[in-house]
């Protein structure tokens, strides 16, 4: 049996919501499904995607083929990336050590917390703020100068075009 992960439509006319389901590929769009993996509500801002990643991984490993839209939703939920990593399509640096080592964010957070606890956080000197303000003002002035130069060059190009058109009209009137 060919199994697919796809969407079934729910909701009233012009108000769709979808279920992400595992279904036999020969069944109709809203037919009886094998298992519901989650749901997708595109009408909310931002749209809501809730998928049971463990079950989605199980079905992907079993051989279920997602449709294009279902695959995008699986990418959003993270199940598709997990599947590709487990399959070996995506290689991570230090993948052997990744299971034992803590997550990078956790390490950084721990280091920052330790620094705050030991009061190793260094305050920026008060003199740095005025220097930064002066540098920002100079950069702004450079941008304004460049904009003025571009406007001047544009005006010169327009004047040159007008002169060329005038000479062409006078040349054509002299030939006649």
Protein backbone atom coordinates (compact mmCIF):
# COMPACT_ATOMS: atom_id res chain seq x y z
CA UNK A 1 0.00 0.00 0.00
CA UNK A 2 1.42 3.42 -0.99
CA UNK A 3 1.13 5.70 2.03
CA UNK A 4 1.22 9.50 1.81
CA UNK A 5 1.39 12.33 4.33
CA UNK A 6 -0.96 14.98 3.05
CA UNK A 7 -3.60 17.53 4.03
CA UNK A 8 -7.34 17.00 4.39
CA UNK A 9 -9.55 20.07 4.28
CA UNK A 10 -11.91 21.12 7.02
CA UNK A 11 -13.93 24.27 7.66
CA UNK A 12 -16.65 26.21 5.96
CA UNK A 13 -16.57 27.66 2.49
CA UNK A 14 -13.71 30.21 2.17
CA UNK A 15 -12.52 29.36 5.71
CA UNK A 16 -10.18 26.40 5.33
CA UNK A 17 -8.27 24.58 8.03
CA UNK A 18 -6.36 21.41 7.34
CA UNK A 19 -5.40 18.21 9.11
CA UNK A 20 -2.00 16.70 8.40
CA UNK A 21 -2.77 13.01 8.01
CA UNK A 22 -1.26 9.71 6.93
CA UNK A 23 -3.50 8.20 4.26
CA UNK A 24 -3.48 5.60 1.51
CA UNK A 25 -2.59 7.44 -1.72
CA UNK A 26 -5.58 5.88 -3.51
CA UNK A 27 -8.12 7.41 -1.11
CA UNK A 28 -9.95 10.62 -1.89
CA UNK A 29 -8.76 13.94 -0.44
CA UNK A 30 -11.05 13.96 2.57
CA UNK A 31 -11.36 10.19 2.83
CA UNK A 32 -10.73 7.97 5.83
CA UNK A 33 -7.15 8.35 7.04
CA UNK A 34 -4.82 6.03 8.95
CA UNK A 35 -3.56 8.56 11.50
CA UNK A 36 -3.78 12.28 12.16
CA UNK A 37 -0.36 13.88 12.72
CA UNK A 38 -1.43 17.46 13.37
CA UNK A 39 -3.23 20.45 11.91
CA UNK A 40 -2.57 23.61 9.90
CA UNK A 41 -4.57 26.83 10.09
CA UNK A 42 -3.46 29.23 7.32
CA UNK A 43 -6.02 31.92 8.17
CA UNK A 44 -4.45 33.04 11.43
CA UNK A 45 -1.60 35.54 11.48
CA UNK A 46 0.93 33.95 11.78
CA UNK A 47 -0.47 30.68 10.50
CA UNK A 48 -0.64 27.84 13.03
CA UNK A 49 1.22 24.58 12.39
CA UNK A 50 1.09 21.86 15.03
CA UNK A 51 2.53 18.46 14.15
CA UNK A 52 3.45 15.48 16.34
CA UNK A 53 7.09 15.16 15.26
CA UNK A 54 7.62 11.71 16.80
CA UNK A 55 4.77 10.16 14.83
CA UNK A 56 5.74 12.06 11.67
CA UNK A 57 9.29 10.68 11.98
CA UNK A 58 7.90 7.18 12.46
CA UNK A 59 5.83 7.41 9.28
CA UNK A 60 8.64 9.00 7.27
CA UNK A 61 11.00 6.22 8.34
CA UNK A 62 8.33 3.66 7.44
CA UNK A 63 8.26 5.04 3.89
CA UNK A 64 5.35 7.48 3.80
CA UNK A 65 5.86 10.09 1.09
CA UNK A 66 4.82 13.68 1.94
CA UNK A 67 3.15 15.90 -0.64
CA UNK A 68 4.85 19.24 -1.41
CA UNK A 69 2.69 21.23 1.00
CA UNK A 70 2.93 18.60 3.73
CA UNK A 71 6.71 18.54 3.32
CA UNK A 72 6.87 22.30 3.81
CA UNK A 73 4.80 21.99 6.98
CA UNK A 74 7.07 19.19 8.19
CA UNK A 75 10.06 21.48 7.55
CA UNK A 76 8.43 24.21 9.63
CA UNK A 77 7.79 21.81 12.51
CA UNK A 78 11.32 20.40 12.28
CA UNK A 79 10.32 16.80 11.57
CA UNK A 80 11.69 16.84 8.01
CA UNK A 81 15.13 18.02 9.16
CA UNK A 82 15.24 15.35 11.86
CA UNK A 83 14.32 12.75 9.26
CA UNK A 84 17.06 13.90 6.86
CA UNK A 85 19.65 13.87 9.66
CA UNK A 86 18.64 10.35 10.72
CA UNK A 87 18.75 9.21 7.09
CA UNK A 88 22.24 10.71 6.66
CA UNK A 89 21.39 13.36 4.07
CA UNK A 90 22.48 16.14 6.43
CA UNK A 91 25.80 15.80 8.19
CA UNK A 92 26.49 17.80 11.31
CA UNK A 93 29.97 18.67 12.50
CA UNK A 94 30.83 16.63 15.55
CA UNK A 95 27.70 14.52 15.20
CA UNK A 96 29.28 11.77 17.33
CA UNK A 97 29.91 14.18 20.20
CA UNK A 98 26.61 16.03 19.73
CA UNK A 99 24.68 13.48 21.77
CA UNK A 100 26.94 13.88 24.82
CA UNK A 101 27.61 17.63 24.58
CA UNK A 102 25.03 20.20 25.73
CA UNK A 103 23.35 22.42 23.19
CA UNK A 104 25.39 25.50 22.14
CA UNK A 105 22.79 27.95 23.45
CA UNK A 106 22.84 26.25 26.84
CA UNK A 107 26.64 26.60 27.05
CA UNK A 108 26.51 30.32 26.21
CA UNK A 109 23.69 30.93 28.68
CA UNK A 110 25.62 29.11 31.40
CA UNK A 111 28.75 31.19 30.71
CA UNK A 112 26.78 34.45 30.82
CA UNK A 113 25.07 33.44 34.06
CA UNK A 114 28.44 32.60 35.63
CA UNK A 115 29.88 35.95 34.54
CA UNK A 116 26.92 37.81 36.04
CA UNK A 117 27.16 35.85 39.29
CA UNK A 118 30.87 36.64 39.63
CA UNK A 119 30.27 40.24 38.42
CA UNK A 120 32.76 39.93 35.59
CA UNK A 121 30.58 42.00 33.30
CA UNK A 122 32.57 45.04 32.19
CA UNK A 123 30.74 48.33 31.80
CA UNK A 124 31.47 50.40 28.71
CA UNK A 125 33.33 53.62 29.52
CA UNK A 126 31.31 56.80 29.54
CA UNK A 127 33.66 58.35 26.96
CA UNK A 128 32.71 55.74 24.32
CA UNK A 129 29.15 57.02 23.89
CA UNK A 130 30.08 60.54 22.67
CA UNK A 131 32.71 59.12 20.29
CA UNK A 132 30.16 56.74 18.83
CA UNK A 133 27.68 59.58 18.39
CA UNK A 134 30.30 61.69 16.54
CA UNK A 135 31.19 58.75 14.27
CA UNK A 136 27.52 58.14 13.51
CA UNK A 137 27.03 61.83 12.65
CA UNK A 138 30.05 61.75 10.31
CA UNK A 139 28.73 58.63 8.58
CA UNK A 140 25.33 60.30 8.16
CA UNK A 141 26.99 63.39 6.65
CA UNK A 142 28.89 61.17 4.17
CA UNK A 143 25.63 59.57 3.09
CA UNK A 144 24.02 62.99 2.59
CA UNK A 145 27.05 64.14 0.53
CA UNK A 146 26.80 61.06 -1.69
CA UNK A 147 23.07 61.65 -2.19
CA UNK A 148 23.72 65.30 -3.18
CA UNK A 149 26.39 64.21 -5.65
CA UNK A 150 24.00 61.69 -7.21
CA UNK A 151 21.30 64.34 -7.59
CA UNK A 152 23.79 66.72 -9.25
CA UNK A 153 24.94 64.00 -11.65
CA UNK A 154 21.34 63.15 -12.50
CA UNK A 155 20.57 66.81 -13.28
CA UNK A 156 23.64 67.02 -15.54
CA UNK A 157 22.55 63.91 -17.45
CA UNK A 158 19.06 65.33 -17.96
CA UNK A 159 20.49 68.65 -19.22
CA UNK A 160 22.79 66.80 -21.62
CA UNK A 161 19.85 64.79 -23.00
CA UNK A 162 17.84 67.96 -23.54
CA UNK A 163 20.78 69.55 -25.43
CA UNK A 164 21.16 66.45 -27.62
CA UNK A 165 17.45 66.45 -28.43
CA UNK A 166 17.56 70.14 -29.30
CA UNK A 167 20.53 69.69 -31.62
CA UNK A 168 18.83 66.72 -33.28
CA UNK A 169 15.66 68.76 -33.89
CA UNK A 170 17.65 71.70 -35.27
CA UNK A 171 19.68 69.34 -37.53
CA UNK A 172 16.54 67.72 -38.87
CA UNK A 173 14.87 71.10 -39.49
CA UNK A 174 17.96 72.35 -41.37
CA UNK A 175 17.93 69.25 -43.60
CA UNK A 176 14.34 69.87 -44.56
